[in-house]
Amino acid sequence: MAAQDHTTPSPRTASGPSDDENVWLTPESVRVLAHPLRSRLLGALRRGGPATATDLATLLGTNSGATSYHLRKLESVGLVHDTEEGEGKRRLWRASSEYHSWHPSDFEGDEDSETALNWLTRDYARHFSEQYDKWLDVSTTWPTAWQDACGSSDAAVLVTAESLEAMREEMWDLIERYRRVGQGNPQARRIAVYAFAYPLDLDRPPTTKE
């Protein structure tokens, strides 16, 4: 599972080292990130680029003292960092990666981390609903070509856990191919792509032998 900001979970098949594009959540970092303001701060830095605590406070409707405190908490687990380009109280903060990843199994048996991850993933779902509603509110003001290209779809597939993981990995590879295809094109716009996968037969969980 991965998230480009705090709204876009996508798959990864194996845990790996963190880098400028991706940081793997640890039990400590998932507990830090599972906070309404911290999650929004990280998303704002990924979408808008480097910003000061004051700028972020204005954007998110909070105060700079709280914003500075929570930025330092995110910094303590490597999710954001001080660019050292600001001066005094005008410290400039940057997201440490473009997205973060995790596997639920990474936190199995750690009750606090499992609780934090449950909150975080539900927050992503809530945020998706809010953001998609905002798009629907203004969609008719966009050119029809964009209205046709955007939208939602769903399908039901009959798969095993292994084949579902393979399918999601192929979807992620496709998204990766298109991530920067519009770079330098003034007509290009940033588009959020969400992928949710969940069982329909919720009352019939498989056994380990199936």
C-alpha atoms as a PDB file:
ATOM      1  CA  MET A   1       0.000   0.000   0.000  1.00  0.00           C
ATOM      2  CA  ALA A   2       1.292   3.487  -0.775  1.00  0.00           C
ATOM      3  CA  ALA A   3       0.032   7.009  -0.651  1.00  0.00           C
ATOM      4  CA  GLN A   4       1.269   9.861  -2.832  1.00  0.00           C
ATOM      5  CA  ASP A   5      -0.135  12.367  -0.390  1.00  0.00           C
ATOM      6  CA  HIS A   6      -2.680  11.573   2.277  1.00  0.00           C
ATOM      7  CA  THR A   7      -5.379  10.656  -0.213  1.00  0.00           C
ATOM      8  CA  THR A   8      -4.058   8.200  -2.757  1.00  0.00           C
ATOM      9  CA  PRO A   9      -3.333   4.634  -1.574  1.00  0.00           C
ATOM     10  CA  SER A  10      -1.652   2.428  -4.203  1.00  0.00           C
ATOM     11  CA  PRO A  11       0.151  -0.911  -4.051  1.00  0.00           C
ATOM     12  CA  ARG A  12       3.724  -2.009  -3.611  1.00  0.00           C
ATOM     13  CA  THR A  13       4.621  -5.662  -3.496  1.00  0.00           C
ATOM     14  CA  ALA A  14       7.602  -5.559  -1.161  1.00  0.00           C
ATOM     15  CA  SER A  15       8.969  -3.278   1.504  1.00  0.00           C
ATOM     16  CA  GLY A  16      12.149  -1.494   0.581  1.00  0.00           C
ATOM     17  CA  PRO A  17      14.426   1.353   1.585  1.00  0.00           C
ATOM     18  CA  SER A  18      13.145   4.904   1.673  1.00  0.00           C
ATOM     19  CA  ASP A  19      14.293   7.407  -0.961  1.00  0.00           C
ATOM     20  CA  ASP A  20      13.351  10.807  -2.402  1.00  0.00           C
ATOM     21  CA  GLU A  21      10.217   9.374  -4.016  1.00  0.00           C
ATOM     22  CA  ASN A  22       9.011   6.932  -1.383  1.00  0.00           C
ATOM     23  CA  VAL A  23       9.337   6.501   2.363  1.00  0.00           C
ATOM     24  CA  TRP A  24       8.211   3.305   4.090  1.00  0.00           C
ATOM     25  CA  LEU A  25       6.138   3.853   7.202  1.00  0.00           C
ATOM     26  CA  THR A  26       7.446   2.345  10.412  1.00  0.00           C
ATOM     27  CA  PRO A  27       5.424   1.659  13.571  1.00  0.00           C
ATOM     28  CA  GLU A  28       6.690   4.971  14.950  1.00  0.00           C
ATOM     29  CA  SER A  29       6.004   7.028  11.833  1.00  0.00           C
ATOM     30  CA  VAL A  30       2.500   5.650  11.305  1.00  0.00           C
ATOM     31  CA  ARG A  31       1.634   6.595  14.885  1.00  0.00           C
ATOM     32  CA  VAL A  32       2.970  10.123  14.309  1.00  0.00           C
ATOM     33  CA  LEU A  33       1.199  10.543  10.959  1.00  0.00           C
ATOM     34  CA  ALA A  34      -2.184   9.375  12.267  1.00  0.00           C
ATOM     35  CA  HIS A  35      -3.229  12.870  13.313  1.00  0.00           C
ATOM     36  CA  PRO A  36      -5.660  15.158  11.454  1.00  0.00           C
ATOM     37  CA  LEU A  37      -3.332  18.150  11.158  1.00  0.00           C
ATOM     38  CA  ARG A  38      -0.134  16.190  10.523  1.00  0.00           C
ATOM     39  CA  SER A  39      -1.734  14.219   7.730  1.00  0.00           C
ATOM     40  CA  ARG A  40      -2.950  17.449   6.112  1.00  0.00           C
ATOM     41  CA  LEU A  41       0.412  19.166   6.555  1.00  0.00           C
ATOM     42  CA  LEU A  42       2.240  16.389   4.754  1.00  0.00           C
ATOM     43  CA  GLY A  43      -0.303  16.399   1.944  1.00  0.00           C
ATOM     44  CA  ALA A  44      -0.089  20.179   1.574  1.00  0.00           C
ATOM     45  CA  LEU A  45       3.711  20.087   1.300  1.00  0.00           C
ATOM     46  CA  ARG A  46       3.566  17.339  -1.314  1.00  0.00           C
ATOM     47  CA  ARG A  47       1.004  19.165  -3.410  1.00  0.00           C
ATOM     48  CA  GLY A  48       2.217  22.730  -3.020  1.00  0.00           C
ATOM     49  CA  GLY A  49       5.934  22.345  -2.452  1.00  0.00           C
ATOM     50  CA  PRO A  50       8.091  23.917   0.290  1.00  0.00           C
ATOM     51  CA  ALA A  51       6.302  26.289   2.665  1.00  0.00           C
ATOM     52  CA  THR A  52       6.688  27.975   6.028  1.00  0.00           C
ATOM     53  CA  ALA A  53       4.661  27.102   9.103  1.00  0.00           C
ATOM     54  CA  THR A  54       2.863  30.441   8.742  1.00  0.00           C
ATOM     55  CA  ASP A  55       1.935  29.745   5.124  1.00  0.00           C
ATOM     56  CA  LEU A  56       0.683  26.284   6.029  1.00  0.00           C
ATOM     57  CA  ALA A  57      -1.287  27.613   8.999  1.00  0.00           C
ATOM     58  CA  THR A  58      -3.056  30.084   6.727  1.00  0.00           C
ATOM     59  CA  LEU A  59      -3.759  27.383   4.156  1.00  0.00           C
ATOM     60  CA  LEU A  60      -5.139  24.905   6.689  1.00  0.00           C
ATOM     61  CA  GLY A  61      -6.936  27.363   8.940  1.00  0.00           C
ATOM     62  CA  THR A  62      -4.863  26.838  12.087  1.00  0.00           C
ATOM     63  CA  ASN A  63      -2.160  28.779  13.942  1.00  0.00           C
ATOM     64  CA  SER A  64       1.552  28.804  13.218  1.00  0.00           C
ATOM     65  CA  GLY A  65       2.485  27.590  16.705  1.00  0.00           C
ATOM     66  CA  ALA A  66       0.504  24.377  16.311  1.00  0.00           C
ATOM     67  CA  THR A  67       1.745  23.999  12.747  1.00  0.00           C
ATOM     68  CA  SER A  68       5.391  24.341  13.817  1.00  0.00           C
ATOM     69  CA  TYR A  69       4.924  21.783  16.588  1.00  0.00           C
ATOM     70  CA  HIS A  70       3.366  19.193  14.305  1.00  0.00           C
ATOM     71  CA  LEU A  71       5.941  19.801  11.561  1.00  0.00           C
ATOM     72  CA  ARG A  72       8.659  18.985  14.076  1.00  0.00           C
ATOM     73  CA  LYS A  73       6.824  15.775  14.994  1.00  0.00           C
ATOM     74  CA  LEU A  74       6.737  14.812  11.306  1.00  0.00           C
ATOM     75  CA  GLU A  75      10.417  15.723  11.008  1.00  0.00           C
ATOM     76  CA  SER A  76      11.261  13.412  13.928  1.00  0.00           C
ATOM     77  CA  VAL A  77      10.176  10.383  11.856  1.00  0.00           C
ATOM     78  CA  GLY A  78      11.630  11.565   8.541  1.00  0.00           C
ATOM     79  CA  LEU A  79       8.404  12.554   6.773  1.00  0.00           C
ATOM     80  CA  VAL A  80       9.342  16.242   6.373  1.00  0.00           C
ATOM     81  CA  HIS A  81      12.551  18.201   6.739  1.00  0.00           C
ATOM     82  CA  ASP A  82      13.779  21.747   7.155  1.00  0.00           C
ATOM     83  CA  THR A  83      15.284  22.940   3.866  1.00  0.00           C
ATOM     84  CA  GLU A  84      17.539  25.370   5.790  1.00  0.00           C
ATOM     85  CA  GLU A  85      16.606  27.968   3.185  1.00  0.00           C
ATOM     86  CA  GLY A  86      14.409  30.061   5.477  1.00  0.00           C
ATOM     87  CA  GLU A  87      15.503  32.553   8.099  1.00  0.00           C
ATOM     88  CA  GLY A  88      14.540  32.711  11.777  1.00  0.00           C
ATOM     89  CA  LYS A  89      10.895  31.845  12.262  1.00  0.00           C
ATOM     90  CA  ARG A  90      10.477  31.664   8.480  1.00  0.00           C
ATOM     91  CA  ARG A  91      11.877  28.135   8.283  1.00  0.00           C
ATOM     92  CA  LEU A  92      11.025  26.525   4.971  1.00  0.00           C
ATOM     93  CA  TRP A  93       9.687  22.974   5.220  1.00  0.00           C
ATOM     94  CA  ARG A  94       9.629  20.317   2.515  1.00  0.00           C
ATOM     95  CA  ALA A  95       8.084  16.854   2.292  1.00  0.00           C
ATOM     96  CA  SER A  96      10.852  14.237   2.397  1.00  0.00           C
ATOM     97  CA  SER A  97       9.283  12.116  -0.355  1.00  0.00           C
ATOM     98  CA  GLU A  98       6.573  12.192  -2.990  1.00  0.00           C
ATOM     99  CA  TYR A  99       4.590   9.416  -1.330  1.00  0.00           C
ATOM    100  CA  HIS A 100       4.785   6.854   1.445  1.00  0.00           C
ATOM    101  CA  SER A 101       4.157   3.114   1.510  1.00  0.00           C
ATOM    102  CA  TRP A 102       3.227   0.403   3.946  1.00  0.00           C
ATOM    103  CA  HIS A 103       1.896  -3.106   4.294  1.00  0.00           C
ATOM    104  CA  PRO A 104      -0.699  -3.722   7.022  1.00  0.00           C
ATOM    105  CA  SER A 105       1.311  -6.808   7.949  1.00  0.00           C
ATOM    106  CA  ASP A 106       4.208  -4.492   8.891  1.00  0.00           C
ATOM    107  CA  PHE A 107       2.234  -3.557  12.016  1.00  0.00           C
ATOM    108  CA  GLU A 108       0.650  -6.898  12.869  1.00  0.00           C
ATOM    109  CA  GLY A 109       0.567  -7.485  16.622  1.00  0.00           C
ATOM    110  CA  ASP A 110       1.388  -3.850  17.448  1.00  0.00           C
ATOM    111  CA  GLU A 111      -1.977  -2.634  18.748  1.00  0.00           C
ATOM    112  CA  ASP A 112      -1.080   1.070  18.805  1.00  0.00           C
ATOM    113  CA  SER A 113       0.253   0.987  15.246  1.00  0.00           C
ATOM    114  CA  GLU A 114      -2.721  -1.030  14.004  1.00  0.00           C
ATOM    115  CA  THR A 115      -5.088   1.517  15.559  1.00  0.00           C
ATOM    116  CA  ALA A 116      -3.133   4.379  13.997  1.00  0.00           C
ATOM    117  CA  LEU A 117      -3.189   2.732  10.566  1.00  0.00           C
ATOM    118  CA  ASN A 118      -6.927   2.104  10.844  1.00  0.00           C
ATOM    119  CA  TRP A 119      -7.490   5.805  11.536  1.00  0.00           C
ATOM    120  CA  LEU A 120      -5.140   6.845   8.735  1.00  0.00           C
ATOM    121  CA  THR A 121      -6.729   4.690   6.037  1.00  0.00           C
ATOM    122  CA  ARG A 122     -10.232   5.797   7.057  1.00  0.00           C
ATOM    123  CA  ASP A 123      -9.031   9.395   6.893  1.00  0.00           C
ATOM    124  CA  TYR A 124      -7.825   8.807   3.339  1.00  0.00           C
ATOM    125  CA  ALA A 125     -11.267   7.479   2.394  1.00  0.00           C
ATOM    126  CA  ARG A 126     -12.975  10.500   3.974  1.00  0.00           C
ATOM    127  CA  HIS A 127     -10.636  12.881   2.224  1.00  0.00           C
ATOM    128  CA  PHE A 128     -11.246  11.205  -1.127  1.00  0.00           C
ATOM    129  CA  SER A 129     -14.989  11.717  -0.715  1.00  0.00           C
ATOM    130  CA  GLU A 130     -14.501  15.384   0.193  1.00  0.00           C
ATOM    131  CA  GLN A 131     -12.137  16.070  -2.703  1.00  0.00           C
ATOM    132  CA  TYR A 132     -14.276  14.257  -5.267  1.00  0.00           C
ATOM    133  CA  ASP A 133     -17.328  16.220  -4.125  1.00  0.00           C
ATOM    134  CA  LYS A 134     -15.352  19.424  -4.715  1.00  0.00           C
ATOM    135  CA  TRP A 135     -14.563  18.279  -8.257  1.00  0.00           C
ATOM    136  CA  LEU A 136     -18.217  17.475  -8.938  1.00  0.00           C
ATOM    137  CA  ASP A 137     -19.176  20.947  -7.711  1.00  0.00           C
ATOM    138  CA  VAL A 138     -16.993  22.640 -10.356  1.00  0.00           C
ATOM    139  CA  SER A 139     -16.705  19.987 -13.074  1.00  0.00           C
ATOM    140  CA  THR A 140     -19.152  21.714 -15.432  1.00  0.00           C
ATOM    141  CA  THR A 141     -16.868  24.767 -15.528  1.00  0.00           C
ATOM    142  CA  TRP A 142     -14.059  22.656 -17.037  1.00  0.00           C
ATOM    143  CA  PRO A 143     -13.778  21.847 -20.762  1.00  0.00           C
ATOM    144  CA  THR A 144     -15.828  18.820 -21.794  1.00  0.00           C
ATOM    145  CA  ALA A 145     -12.660  16.955 -22.798  1.00  0.00           C
ATOM    146  CA  TRP A 146     -11.561  17.056 -19.162  1.00  0.00           C
ATOM    147  CA  GLN A 147     -15.022  16.105 -17.942  1.00  0.00           C
ATOM    148  CA  ASP A 148     -14.932  13.066 -20.235  1.00  0.00           C
ATOM    149  CA  ALA A 149     -11.411  12.077 -19.191  1.00  0.00           C
ATOM    150  CA  CYS A 150     -12.080  12.358 -15.455  1.00  0.00           C
ATOM    151  CA  GLY A 151     -14.719  10.403 -13.581  1.00  0.00           C
ATOM    152  CA  SER A 152     -15.123   7.188 -11.651  1.00  0.00           C
ATOM    153  CA  SER A 153     -15.578   3.531 -12.487  1.00  0.00           C
ATOM    154  CA  ASP A 154     -15.869   0.255 -10.642  1.00  0.00           C
ATOM    155  CA  ALA A 155     -15.713  -3.433 -11.430  1.00  0.00           C
ATOM    156  CA  ALA A 156     -15.914  -6.757  -9.631  1.00  0.00           C
ATOM    157  CA  VAL A 157     -13.183  -9.352 -10.190  1.00  0.00           C
ATOM    158  CA  LEU A 158     -12.842 -12.930  -8.938  1.00  0.00           C
ATOM    159  CA  VAL A 159      -9.260 -13.286  -7.713  1.00  0.00           C
ATOM    160  CA  THR A 160      -6.988 -14.783  -5.100  1.00  0.00           C
ATOM    161  CA  ALA A 161      -4.998 -12.556  -2.746  1.00  0.00           C
ATOM    162  CA  GLU A 162      -1.915 -13.206  -4.884  1.00  0.00           C
ATOM    163  CA  SER A 163      -3.563 -12.329  -8.193  1.00  0.00           C
ATOM    164  CA  LEU A 164      -5.173  -9.236  -6.667  1.00  0.00           C
ATOM    165  CA  GLU A 165      -1.738  -8.070  -5.530  1.00  0.00           C
ATOM    166  CA  ALA A 166      -0.386  -8.701  -9.039  1.00  0.00           C
ATOM    167  CA  MET A 167      -3.266  -6.758 -10.601  1.00  0.00           C
ATOM    168  CA  ARG A 168      -2.718  -3.800  -8.316  1.00  0.00           C
ATOM    169  CA  GLU A 169       1.005  -3.842  -9.034  1.00  0.00           C
ATOM    170  CA  GLU A 170       0.266  -3.689 -12.779  1.00  0.00           C
ATOM    171  CA  MET A 171      -2.082  -0.757 -12.157  1.00  0.00           C
ATOM    172  CA  TRP A 172       0.638   1.015 -10.171  1.00  0.00           C
ATOM    173  CA  ASP A 173       3.178   0.410 -12.946  1.00  0.00           C
ATOM    174  CA  LEU A 174       0.748   1.988 -15.414  1.00  0.00           C
ATOM    175  CA  ILE A 175       0.294   5.022 -13.185  1.00  0.00           C
ATOM    176  CA  GLU A 176       4.071   5.334 -12.866  1.00  0.00           C
ATOM    177  CA  ARG A 177       4.350   5.453 -16.681  1.00  0.00           C
ATOM    178  CA  TYR A 178       2.047   8.476 -16.802  1.00  0.00           C
ATOM    179  CA  ARG A 179       3.154  10.321 -13.659  1.00  0.00           C
ATOM    180  CA  ARG A 180       5.258  12.920 -15.486  1.00  0.00           C
ATOM    181  CA  VAL A 181       4.148  12.492 -19.083  1.00  0.00           C
ATOM    182  CA  GLY A 182       2.759  16.040 -19.121  1.00  0.00           C
ATOM    183  CA  GLN A 183       5.832  17.707 -17.622  1.00  0.00           C
ATOM    184  CA  GLY A 184       6.524  21.019 -19.360  1.00  0.00           C
ATOM    185  CA  ASN A 185       3.150  21.053 -21.112  1.00  0.00           C
ATOM    186  CA  PRO A 186       1.130  24.143 -20.084  1.00  0.00           C
ATOM    187  CA  GLN A 187      -2.087  22.262 -20.844  1.00  0.00           C
ATOM    188  CA  ALA A 188      -1.270  19.503 -18.327  1.00  0.00           C
ATOM    189  CA  ARG A 189      -2.945  19.456 -14.920  1.00  0.00           C
ATOM    190  CA  ARG A 190      -2.248  17.379 -11.809  1.00  0.00           C
ATOM    191  CA  ILE A 191      -4.822  14.606 -11.497  1.00  0.00           C
ATOM    192  CA  ALA A 192      -5.495  12.443  -8.440  1.00  0.00           C
ATOM    193  CA  VAL A 193      -5.872   8.740  -9.213  1.00  0.00           C
ATOM    194  CA  TYR A 194      -7.345   6.549  -6.483  1.00  0.00           C
ATOM    195  CA  ALA A 195      -7.505   2.761  -6.295  1.00  0.00           C
ATOM    196  CA  PHE A 196      -9.538   1.021  -3.605  1.00  0.00           C
ATOM    197  CA  ALA A 197      -9.804  -2.759  -3.429  1.00  0.00           C
ATOM    198  CA  TYR A 198     -12.041  -4.527  -0.918  1.00  0.00           C
ATOM    199  CA  PRO A 199     -14.004  -7.805  -0.748  1.00  0.00           C
ATOM    200  CA  LEU A 200     -17.702  -7.841  -1.591  1.00  0.00           C
ATOM    201  CA  ASP A 201     -18.327 -11.050   0.377  1.00  0.00           C
ATOM    202  CA  LEU A 202     -17.580  -9.460   3.724  1.00  0.00           C
ATOM    203  CA  ASP A 203     -19.384 -12.212   5.623  1.00  0.00           C
ATOM    204  CA  ARG A 204     -17.265 -14.959   4.031  1.00  0.00           C
ATOM    205  CA  PRO A 205     -13.568 -14.432   4.831  1.00  0.00           C
ATOM    206  CA  PRO A 206     -11.334 -17.172   3.364  1.00  0.00           C
ATOM    207  CA  THR A 207      -9.487 -19.605   5.577  1.00  0.00           C
ATOM    208  CA  THR A 208      -5.737 -20.005   5.323  1.00  0.00           C
ATOM    209  CA  LYS A 209      -6.300 -23.263   3.385  1.00  0.00           C
ATOM    210  CA  GLU A 210      -8.400 -21.685   0.624  1.00  0.00           C
END
